[in-house]
Amino acid sequence: MADGWNPDQYDRFKAQRSAPFHDLVALVEPPEPGGRVADLGCGTGELTAGLAELWCPSELVGVDSSAAMLAEAEPRAGGALRFVAGDLADPPLEGRFDVLLANASLQWVPEHAEVLARWTGLLAPGGQLAVQVPANLDHASHVVADEVAHEPRFADALGGDIPRDTVHNVALPEQYAELLDALGYARQHVRLQVYGHHLDSTAAVVEWVKGTSLTRFRTRFDDATHAAFLDRYRTRLLEVLGDRSPYFYAFKRILFWGRLP
């Protein structure tokens, strides 16, 4: 787990995490069979593989920067589907694609205007871009993580270099609408949606973010400090949210789609 990602931890909430993906796919106008499709930030590839049956592309490429996730994805490769390692900000893709999909991945890279311009350059005429990003930076699950990381014990262990929450990279919905227009998309759809997740308890939120947002700390702490950080985070989060069973986790996300002329 050298890159901080743990596929098993991520998949603990597989059903909840897949709902936005399916909503995102529903925004895409089905491409003609035999087209080219790329999933940018494919993770374990399980959801990517479903696109092969849905759209029957001649080529389906899953791109991810995590070796751990790609190791889980590789057994699913075959036929039109293949997986490649690469930087999401500048994907290692050649030629033009009919659909680019990025579900819960764009937030991991900065400079979204530049990245979206690069992605748009990979699309064929009439090509479609569909993106989903979390927009819950103001939720206690994110706020508390930053607060705890700034406590002296953990800040010292990090050498004062606190890893920034990548959800800071996410723009406002209207800014994505403006970007799509500036990039020449003839049609677009942008929305903010709240996904309500019924978790077993407030403490389950810790398990949720361990698989995503908190991965930025995993490679920066030794095992003992990381365990202490999680304990302190859990304690503080329950103080803020209350120790409830079950817990309703209201999760804001932005979904946007555009189609070139």
C-alpha atoms as a PDB file:
ATOM      1  CA  MET A   1       0.000   0.000   0.000  1.00  0.00           C
ATOM      2  CA  ALA A   2       2.926   2.313  -0.846  1.00  0.00           C
ATOM      3  CA  ASP A   3       0.615   4.899  -2.455  1.00  0.00           C
ATOM      4  CA  GLY A   4      -1.742   5.003   0.535  1.00  0.00           C
ATOM      5  CA  TRP A   5      -4.672   3.344  -1.255  1.00  0.00           C
ATOM      6  CA  ASN A   6      -6.269   0.178   0.066  1.00  0.00           C
ATOM      7  CA  PRO A   7      -8.837  -1.321  -2.341  1.00  0.00           C
ATOM      8  CA  ASP A   8     -10.478  -3.390   0.410  1.00  0.00           C
ATOM      9  CA  GLN A   9     -10.961  -0.315   2.601  1.00  0.00           C
ATOM     10  CA  TYR A  10     -12.346   1.669  -0.318  1.00  0.00           C
ATOM     11  CA  ASP A  11     -14.799  -1.098  -1.203  1.00  0.00           C
ATOM     12  CA  ARG A  12     -16.268  -1.286   2.300  1.00  0.00           C
ATOM     13  CA  PHE A  13     -18.880   1.184   1.071  1.00  0.00           C
ATOM     14  CA  LYS A  14     -19.098  -0.118  -2.481  1.00  0.00           C
ATOM     15  CA  ALA A  15     -22.858   0.288  -2.871  1.00  0.00           C
ATOM     16  CA  GLN A  16     -22.867   3.872  -1.596  1.00  0.00           C
ATOM     17  CA  ARG A  17     -19.851   4.875  -3.684  1.00  0.00           C
ATOM     18  CA  SER A  18     -21.293   3.374  -6.863  1.00  0.00           C
ATOM     19  CA  ALA A  19     -24.524   5.403  -6.828  1.00  0.00           C
ATOM     20  CA  PRO A  20     -22.920   8.643  -8.112  1.00  0.00           C
ATOM     21  CA  PHE A  21     -21.126   6.658 -10.823  1.00  0.00           C
ATOM     22  CA  HIS A  22     -24.400   5.312 -12.162  1.00  0.00           C
ATOM     23  CA  ASP A  23     -25.974   8.779 -12.008  1.00  0.00           C
ATOM     24  CA  LEU A  24     -22.992  10.135 -13.942  1.00  0.00           C
ATOM     25  CA  VAL A  25     -23.239   7.435 -16.597  1.00  0.00           C
ATOM     26  CA  ALA A  26     -26.942   8.254 -16.968  1.00  0.00           C
ATOM     27  CA  LEU A  27     -25.985  11.779 -18.056  1.00  0.00           C
ATOM     28  CA  VAL A  28     -24.038  10.425 -21.026  1.00  0.00           C
ATOM     29  CA  GLU A  29     -25.893  10.050 -24.290  1.00  0.00           C
ATOM     30  CA  PRO A  30     -25.111   6.449 -25.316  1.00  0.00           C
ATOM     31  CA  PRO A  31     -22.265   6.512 -27.822  1.00  0.00           C
ATOM     32  CA  GLU A  32     -22.432   4.514 -31.029  1.00  0.00           C
ATOM     33  CA  PRO A  33     -21.142   0.943 -30.599  1.00  0.00           C
ATOM     34  CA  GLY A  34     -17.496   0.695 -31.547  1.00  0.00           C
ATOM     35  CA  GLY A  35     -16.530   4.033 -30.043  1.00  0.00           C
ATOM     36  CA  ARG A  36     -13.601   4.859 -27.798  1.00  0.00           C
ATOM     37  CA  VAL A  37     -14.150   5.425 -24.067  1.00  0.00           C
ATOM     38  CA  ALA A  38     -11.789   6.238 -21.193  1.00  0.00           C
ATOM     39  CA  ASP A  39     -12.433   6.132 -17.455  1.00  0.00           C
ATOM     40  CA  LEU A  40     -10.074   8.556 -15.740  1.00  0.00           C
ATOM     41  CA  GLY A  41      -9.547   7.375 -12.172  1.00  0.00           C
ATOM     42  CA  CYS A  42     -10.862   3.866 -12.703  1.00  0.00           C
ATOM     43  CA  GLY A  43      -9.852   2.490  -9.290  1.00  0.00           C
ATOM     44  CA  THR A  44     -10.410  -1.266  -9.081  1.00  0.00           C
ATOM     45  CA  GLY A  45     -12.017  -1.261 -12.529  1.00  0.00           C
ATOM     46  CA  GLU A  46     -15.202  -2.960 -11.390  1.00  0.00           C
ATOM     47  CA  LEU A  47     -17.455  -0.108 -12.479  1.00  0.00           C
ATOM     48  CA  THR A  48     -15.353   0.517 -15.586  1.00  0.00           C
ATOM     49  CA  ALA A  49     -15.908  -3.054 -16.740  1.00  0.00           C
ATOM     50  CA  GLY A  50     -19.659  -2.484 -16.737  1.00  0.00           C
ATOM     51  CA  LEU A  51     -19.235   0.180 -19.422  1.00  0.00           C
ATOM     52  CA  ALA A  52     -18.024  -2.469 -21.865  1.00  0.00           C
ATOM     53  CA  GLU A  53     -21.387  -4.236 -21.707  1.00  0.00           C
ATOM     54  CA  LEU A  54     -23.361  -0.994 -21.618  1.00  0.00           C
ATOM     55  CA  TRP A  55     -21.773   0.801 -24.584  1.00  0.00           C
ATOM     56  CA  CYS A  56     -19.924  -1.922 -26.530  1.00  0.00           C
ATOM     57  CA  PRO A  57     -16.900   0.248 -27.308  1.00  0.00           C
ATOM     58  CA  SER A  58     -14.054  -0.888 -29.524  1.00  0.00           C
ATOM     59  CA  GLU A  59     -11.665   0.432 -26.890  1.00  0.00           C
ATOM     60  CA  LEU A  60     -12.217   1.071 -23.184  1.00  0.00           C
ATOM     61  CA  VAL A  61      -9.238   2.394 -21.225  1.00  0.00           C
ATOM     62  CA  GLY A  62      -9.129   2.690 -17.453  1.00  0.00           C
ATOM     63  CA  VAL A  63      -6.498   5.101 -16.152  1.00  0.00           C
ATOM     64  CA  ASP A  64      -5.353   5.332 -12.534  1.00  0.00           C
ATOM     65  CA  SER A  65      -2.276   6.506 -10.658  1.00  0.00           C
ATOM     66  CA  SER A  66      -2.530   3.936  -7.851  1.00  0.00           C
ATOM     67  CA  ALA A  67      -0.552   0.722  -8.303  1.00  0.00           C
ATOM     68  CA  ALA A  68      -2.688  -0.950  -5.620  1.00  0.00           C
ATOM     69  CA  MET A  69      -5.921  -0.119  -7.429  1.00  0.00           C
ATOM     70  CA  LEU A  70      -4.545  -1.167 -10.824  1.00  0.00           C
ATOM     71  CA  ALA A  71      -3.419  -4.505  -9.388  1.00  0.00           C
ATOM     72  CA  GLU A  72      -7.061  -5.147  -8.451  1.00  0.00           C
ATOM     73  CA  ALA A  73      -8.255  -3.918 -11.858  1.00  0.00           C
ATOM     74  CA  GLU A  74      -5.907  -5.921 -14.092  1.00  0.00           C
ATOM     75  CA  PRO A  75      -7.761  -9.280 -13.835  1.00  0.00           C
ATOM     76  CA  ARG A  76     -10.785  -7.534 -15.358  1.00  0.00           C
ATOM     77  CA  ALA A  77      -8.854  -6.556 -18.498  1.00  0.00           C
ATOM     78  CA  GLY A  78      -9.649  -8.286 -21.755  1.00  0.00           C
ATOM     79  CA  GLY A  79     -11.431  -7.681 -25.003  1.00  0.00           C
ATOM     80  CA  ALA A  80     -11.891  -3.938 -25.441  1.00  0.00           C
ATOM     81  CA  LEU A  81     -10.904  -3.209 -21.835  1.00  0.00           C
ATOM     82  CA  ARG A  82      -7.370  -2.395 -20.728  1.00  0.00           C
ATOM     83  CA  PHE A  83      -5.865  -0.508 -17.814  1.00  0.00           C
ATOM     84  CA  VAL A  84      -2.906   1.866 -17.758  1.00  0.00           C
ATOM     85  CA  ALA A  85      -1.017   3.752 -15.073  1.00  0.00           C
ATOM     86  CA  GLY A  86      -0.883   7.481 -15.519  1.00  0.00           C
ATOM     87  CA  ASP A  87      -1.326  10.999 -14.257  1.00  0.00           C
ATOM     88  CA  LEU A  88      -4.965  12.055 -14.382  1.00  0.00           C
ATOM     89  CA  ALA A  89      -3.939  15.641 -15.051  1.00  0.00           C
ATOM     90  CA  ASP A  90      -2.305  14.551 -18.306  1.00  0.00           C
ATOM     91  CA  PRO A  91      -3.593  11.061 -19.175  1.00  0.00           C
ATOM     92  CA  PRO A  92      -1.370   8.801 -21.290  1.00  0.00           C
ATOM     93  CA  LEU A  93      -3.955   8.484 -24.042  1.00  0.00           C
ATOM     94  CA  GLU A  94      -3.483   8.697 -27.797  1.00  0.00           C
ATOM     95  CA  GLY A  95      -6.027   9.660 -30.393  1.00  0.00           C
ATOM     96  CA  ARG A  96      -9.509  11.030 -29.859  1.00  0.00           C
ATOM     97  CA  PHE A  97     -12.217   9.568 -27.623  1.00  0.00           C
ATOM     98  CA  ASP A  98     -15.978   9.612 -27.823  1.00  0.00           C
ATOM     99  CA  VAL A  99     -16.510   9.642 -24.041  1.00  0.00           C
ATOM    100  CA  LEU A 100     -14.275  10.623 -21.138  1.00  0.00           C
ATOM    101  CA  LEU A 101     -15.622   9.713 -17.716  1.00  0.00           C
ATOM    102  CA  ALA A 102     -14.086  10.816 -14.411  1.00  0.00           C
ATOM    103  CA  ASN A 103     -15.934   9.669 -11.314  1.00  0.00           C
ATOM    104  CA  ALA A 104     -14.611  10.960  -7.959  1.00  0.00           C
ATOM    105  CA  SER A 105     -11.123  11.505  -9.360  1.00  0.00           C
ATOM    106  CA  LEU A 106     -10.732  15.080 -10.621  1.00  0.00           C
ATOM    107  CA  GLN A 107     -10.472  16.397  -7.051  1.00  0.00           C
ATOM    108  CA  TRP A 108      -7.104  14.627  -6.660  1.00  0.00           C
ATOM    109  CA  VAL A 109      -5.427  17.024  -9.103  1.00  0.00           C
ATOM    110  CA  PRO A 110      -5.215  20.842  -8.990  1.00  0.00           C
ATOM    111  CA  GLU A 111      -5.778  23.464 -11.705  1.00  0.00           C
ATOM    112  CA  HIS A 112      -9.084  22.154 -12.970  1.00  0.00           C
ATOM    113  CA  ALA A 113      -9.391  24.708 -15.772  1.00  0.00           C
ATOM    114  CA  GLU A 114      -6.127  23.467 -17.284  1.00  0.00           C
ATOM    115  CA  VAL A 115      -6.941  19.806 -16.716  1.00  0.00           C
ATOM    116  CA  LEU A 116     -10.393  20.073 -18.267  1.00  0.00           C
ATOM    117  CA  ALA A 117      -8.878  21.848 -21.276  1.00  0.00           C
ATOM    118  CA  ARG A 118      -6.450  18.927 -21.686  1.00  0.00           C
ATOM    119  CA  TRP A 119      -9.230  16.383 -21.360  1.00  0.00           C
ATOM    120  CA  THR A 120     -11.341  18.284 -23.883  1.00  0.00           C
ATOM    121  CA  GLY A 121      -8.442  18.090 -26.321  1.00  0.00           C
ATOM    122  CA  LEU A 122      -8.715  14.304 -26.165  1.00  0.00           C
ATOM    123  CA  LEU A 123     -12.320  14.298 -27.361  1.00  0.00           C
ATOM    124  CA  ALA A 124     -13.467  13.715 -30.924  1.00  0.00           C
ATOM    125  CA  PRO A 125     -16.055  16.053 -32.496  1.00  0.00           C
ATOM    126  CA  GLY A 126     -19.326  15.376 -30.712  1.00  0.00           C
ATOM    127  CA  GLY A 127     -17.397  13.853 -27.823  1.00  0.00           C
ATOM    128  CA  GLN A 128     -18.750  13.842 -24.287  1.00  0.00           C
ATOM    129  CA  LEU A 129     -17.168  14.609 -20.926  1.00  0.00           C
ATOM    130  CA  ALA A 130     -18.793  13.443 -17.674  1.00  0.00           C
ATOM    131  CA  VAL A 131     -17.299  14.264 -14.274  1.00  0.00           C
ATOM    132  CA  GLN A 132     -18.313  13.774 -10.645  1.00  0.00           C
ATOM    133  CA  VAL A 133     -16.464  15.320  -7.704  1.00  0.00           C
ATOM    134  CA  PRO A 134     -17.153  15.497  -3.954  1.00  0.00           C
ATOM    135  CA  ALA A 135     -18.195  18.920  -2.680  1.00  0.00           C
ATOM    136  CA  ASN A 136     -18.387  18.276   1.060  1.00  0.00           C
ATOM    137  CA  LEU A 137     -15.319  20.162   2.252  1.00  0.00           C
ATOM    138  CA  ASP A 138     -17.400  21.870   4.945  1.00  0.00           C
ATOM    139  CA  HIS A 139     -18.517  18.547   6.479  1.00  0.00           C
ATOM    140  CA  ALA A 140     -17.003  17.665   9.841  1.00  0.00           C
ATOM    141  CA  SER A 141     -15.331  14.593   8.331  1.00  0.00           C
ATOM    142  CA  HIS A 142     -13.036  16.966   6.435  1.00  0.00           C
ATOM    143  CA  VAL A 143     -12.851  19.849   8.900  1.00  0.00           C
ATOM    144  CA  VAL A 144     -11.875  17.631  11.833  1.00  0.00           C
ATOM    145  CA  ALA A 145      -9.142  15.864   9.842  1.00  0.00           C
ATOM    146  CA  ASP A 146      -7.442  19.183   9.186  1.00  0.00           C
ATOM    147  CA  GLU A 147      -7.842  20.294  12.805  1.00  0.00           C
ATOM    148  CA  VAL A 148      -6.313  17.089  14.175  1.00  0.00           C
ATOM    149  CA  ALA A 149      -3.453  17.181  11.660  1.00  0.00           C
ATOM    150  CA  HIS A 150      -2.540  20.653  12.992  1.00  0.00           C
ATOM    151  CA  GLU A 151      -2.326  19.443  16.602  1.00  0.00           C
ATOM    152  CA  PRO A 152       1.331  19.625  17.751  1.00  0.00           C
ATOM    153  CA  ARG A 153       1.993  15.873  17.932  1.00  0.00           C
ATOM    154  CA  PHE A 154       0.866  15.236  14.392  1.00  0.00           C
ATOM    155  CA  ALA A 155       2.053  18.513  12.899  1.00  0.00           C
ATOM    156  CA  ASP A 156       5.528  17.800  14.278  1.00  0.00           C
ATOM    157  CA  ALA A 157       5.478  14.286  12.818  1.00  0.00           C
ATOM    158  CA  LEU A 158       4.638  15.857   9.469  1.00  0.00           C
ATOM    159  CA  GLY A 159       7.462  18.354   9.778  1.00  0.00           C
ATOM    160  CA  GLY A 160       4.921  21.152   9.679  1.00  0.00           C
ATOM    161  CA  ASP A 161       3.991  20.168   6.120  1.00  0.00           C
ATOM    162  CA  ILE A 162       0.299  19.322   6.518  1.00  0.00           C
ATOM    163  CA  PRO A 163      -1.049  17.572   3.389  1.00  0.00           C
ATOM    164  CA  ARG A 164      -3.808  19.665   1.899  1.00  0.00           C
ATOM    165  CA  ASP A 165      -7.286  18.208   1.615  1.00  0.00           C
ATOM    166  CA  THR A 166      -7.685  17.665  -2.117  1.00  0.00           C
ATOM    167  CA  VAL A 167     -11.355  18.665  -2.020  1.00  0.00           C
ATOM    168  CA  HIS A 168      -9.966  22.222  -1.845  1.00  0.00           C
ATOM    169  CA  ASN A 169      -9.309  21.716  -5.562  1.00  0.00           C
ATOM    170  CA  VAL A 170     -13.042  21.486  -6.309  1.00  0.00           C
ATOM    171  CA  ALA A 171     -14.670  24.564  -7.821  1.00  0.00           C
ATOM    172  CA  LEU A 172     -18.257  25.774  -7.497  1.00  0.00           C
ATOM    173  CA  PRO A 173     -20.920  24.251  -9.762  1.00  0.00           C
ATOM    174  CA  GLU A 174     -21.387  27.509 -11.650  1.00  0.00           C
ATOM    175  CA  GLN A 175     -17.639  27.712 -12.263  1.00  0.00           C
ATOM    176  CA  TYR A 176     -17.692  24.319 -13.942  1.00  0.00           C
ATOM    177  CA  ALA A 177     -20.622  25.501 -16.073  1.00  0.00           C
ATOM    178  CA  GLU A 178     -18.597  28.545 -17.115  1.00  0.00           C
ATOM    179  CA  LEU A 179     -15.580  26.363 -17.898  1.00  0.00           C
ATOM    180  CA  LEU A 180     -17.600  24.000 -20.071  1.00  0.00           C
ATOM    181  CA  ASP A 181     -18.977  26.947 -22.016  1.00  0.00           C
ATOM    182  CA  ALA A 182     -15.531  28.494 -22.451  1.00  0.00           C
ATOM    183  CA  LEU A 183     -14.159  25.160 -23.681  1.00  0.00           C
ATOM    184  CA  GLY A 184     -16.739  25.037 -26.445  1.00  0.00           C
ATOM    185  CA  TYR A 185     -19.244  22.494 -25.201  1.00  0.00           C
ATOM    186  CA  ALA A 186     -22.476  22.996 -27.136  1.00  0.00           C
ATOM    187  CA  ARG A 187     -24.638  21.421 -24.446  1.00  0.00           C
ATOM    188  CA  GLN A 188     -24.093  20.874 -20.755  1.00  0.00           C
ATOM    189  CA  HIS A 189     -25.651  19.754 -17.508  1.00  0.00           C
ATOM    190  CA  VAL A 190     -24.264  20.758 -14.111  1.00  0.00           C
ATOM    191  CA  ARG A 191     -25.823  19.996 -10.748  1.00  0.00           C
ATOM    192  CA  LEU A 192     -25.111  19.809  -7.039  1.00  0.00           C
ATOM    193  CA  GLN A 193     -26.609  16.687  -5.489  1.00  0.00           C
ATOM    194  CA  VAL A 194     -26.797  15.493  -1.898  1.00  0.00           C
ATOM    195  CA  TYR A 195     -26.422  11.748  -1.431  1.00  0.00           C
ATOM    196  CA  GLY A 196     -27.854  10.485   1.834  1.00  0.00           C
ATOM    197  CA  HIS A 197     -26.076   7.450   3.258  1.00  0.00           C
ATOM    198  CA  HIS A 198     -27.412   5.529   6.246  1.00  0.00           C
ATOM    199  CA  LEU A 199     -24.313   4.278   8.061  1.00  0.00           C
ATOM    200  CA  ASP A 200     -24.340   1.959  11.063  1.00  0.00           C
ATOM    201  CA  SER A 201     -22.953   4.660  13.328  1.00  0.00           C
ATOM    202  CA  THR A 202     -21.113   7.963  13.370  1.00  0.00           C
ATOM    203  CA  ALA A 203     -17.871   6.014  13.785  1.00  0.00           C
ATOM    204  CA  ALA A 204     -18.474   4.453  10.364  1.00  0.00           C
ATOM    205  CA  VAL A 205     -17.649   7.846   8.857  1.00  0.00           C
ATOM    206  CA  VAL A 206     -14.062   7.211   9.951  1.00  0.00           C
ATOM    207  CA  GLU A 207     -14.008   3.975   7.976  1.00  0.00           C
ATOM    208  CA  TRP A 208     -15.439   5.819   4.972  1.00  0.00           C
ATOM    209  CA  VAL A 209     -12.787   8.555   4.877  1.00  0.00           C
ATOM    210  CA  LYS A 210      -9.985   6.093   5.667  1.00  0.00           C
ATOM    211  CA  GLY A 211     -10.593   4.781   2.164  1.00  0.00           C
ATOM    212  CA  THR A 212     -10.422   8.197   0.493  1.00  0.00           C
ATOM    213  CA  SER A 213      -9.569  11.557   2.054  1.00  0.00           C
ATOM    214  CA  LEU A 214      -7.379  10.235   4.880  1.00  0.00           C
ATOM    215  CA  THR A 215      -5.142   8.311   2.481  1.00  0.00           C
ATOM    216  CA  ARG A 216      -3.057  11.476   2.245  1.00  0.00           C
ATOM    217  CA  PHE A 217      -1.788  10.816   5.779  1.00  0.00           C
ATOM    218  CA  ARG A 218      -1.089   7.082   5.418  1.00  0.00           C
ATOM    219  CA  THR A 219       2.243   7.451   3.650  1.00  0.00           C
ATOM    220  CA  ARG A 220       3.355  10.376   5.809  1.00  0.00           C
ATOM    221  CA  PHE A 221       3.046   8.772   9.263  1.00  0.00           C
ATOM    222  CA  ASP A 222       4.747   5.712  10.693  1.00  0.00           C
ATOM    223  CA  ASP A 223       2.342   2.968  11.772  1.00  0.00           C
ATOM    224  CA  ALA A 224       2.152   4.018  15.424  1.00  0.00           C
ATOM    225  CA  THR A 225       1.581   7.688  14.647  1.00  0.00           C
ATOM    226  CA  HIS A 226      -0.980   6.837  11.997  1.00  0.00           C
ATOM    227  CA  ALA A 227      -2.909   4.674  14.484  1.00  0.00           C
ATOM    228  CA  ALA A 228      -2.788   7.478  17.069  1.00  0.00           C
ATOM    229  CA  PHE A 229      -3.968   9.967  14.450  1.00  0.00           C
ATOM    230  CA  LEU A 230      -6.977   7.790  13.586  1.00  0.00           C
ATOM    231  CA  ASP A 231      -7.852   7.336  17.260  1.00  0.00           C
ATOM    232  CA  ARG A 232      -7.710  11.078  17.893  1.00  0.00           C
ATOM    233  CA  TYR A 233      -9.678  11.791  14.701  1.00  0.00           C
ATOM    234  CA  ARG A 234     -12.395   9.295  15.712  1.00  0.00           C
ATOM    235  CA  THR A 235     -12.683  10.793  19.203  1.00  0.00           C
ATOM    236  CA  ARG A 236     -12.892  14.347  17.915  1.00  0.00           C
ATOM    237  CA  LEU A 237     -15.328  13.492  15.115  1.00  0.00           C
ATOM    238  CA  LEU A 238     -17.736  11.840  17.533  1.00  0.00           C
ATOM    239  CA  GLU A 239     -17.515  14.895  19.787  1.00  0.00           C
ATOM    240  CA  VAL A 240     -18.511  17.128  16.871  1.00  0.00           C
ATOM    241  CA  LEU A 241     -21.157  14.931  15.220  1.00  0.00           C
ATOM    242  CA  GLY A 242     -22.386  13.034  18.242  1.00  0.00           C
ATOM    243  CA  ASP A 243     -22.207   9.288  18.748  1.00  0.00           C
ATOM    244  CA  ARG A 244     -25.303   8.135  16.858  1.00  0.00           C
ATOM    245  CA  SER A 245     -26.509   4.776  15.593  1.00  0.00           C
ATOM    246  CA  PRO A 246     -27.471   4.822  12.807  1.00  0.00           C
ATOM    247  CA  TYR A 247     -25.882   7.951  11.325  1.00  0.00           C
ATOM    248  CA  PHE A 248     -27.230   9.801   8.280  1.00  0.00           C
ATOM    249  CA  TYR A 249     -24.228  10.912   6.235  1.00  0.00           C
ATOM    250  CA  ALA A 250     -25.297  13.751   3.916  1.00  0.00           C
ATOM    251  CA  PHE A 251     -22.679  13.887   1.170  1.00  0.00           C
ATOM    252  CA  LYS A 252     -22.657  16.709  -1.399  1.00  0.00           C
ATOM    253  CA  ARG A 253     -21.345  16.019  -4.887  1.00  0.00           C
ATOM    254  CA  ILE A 254     -21.140  17.940  -8.163  1.00  0.00           C
ATOM    255  CA  LEU A 255     -21.976  16.121 -11.375  1.00  0.00           C
ATOM    256  CA  PHE A 256     -21.339  17.754 -14.721  1.00  0.00           C
ATOM    257  CA  TRP A 257     -21.600  16.705 -18.368  1.00  0.00           C
ATOM    258  CA  GLY A 258     -20.899  18.401 -21.653  1.00  0.00           C
ATOM    259  CA  ARG A 259     -21.006  17.497 -25.343  1.00  0.00           C
ATOM    260  CA  LEU A 260     -18.924  19.105 -28.048  1.00  0.00           C
ATOM    261  CA  PRO A 261     -20.525  20.156 -31.331  1.00  0.00           C
END
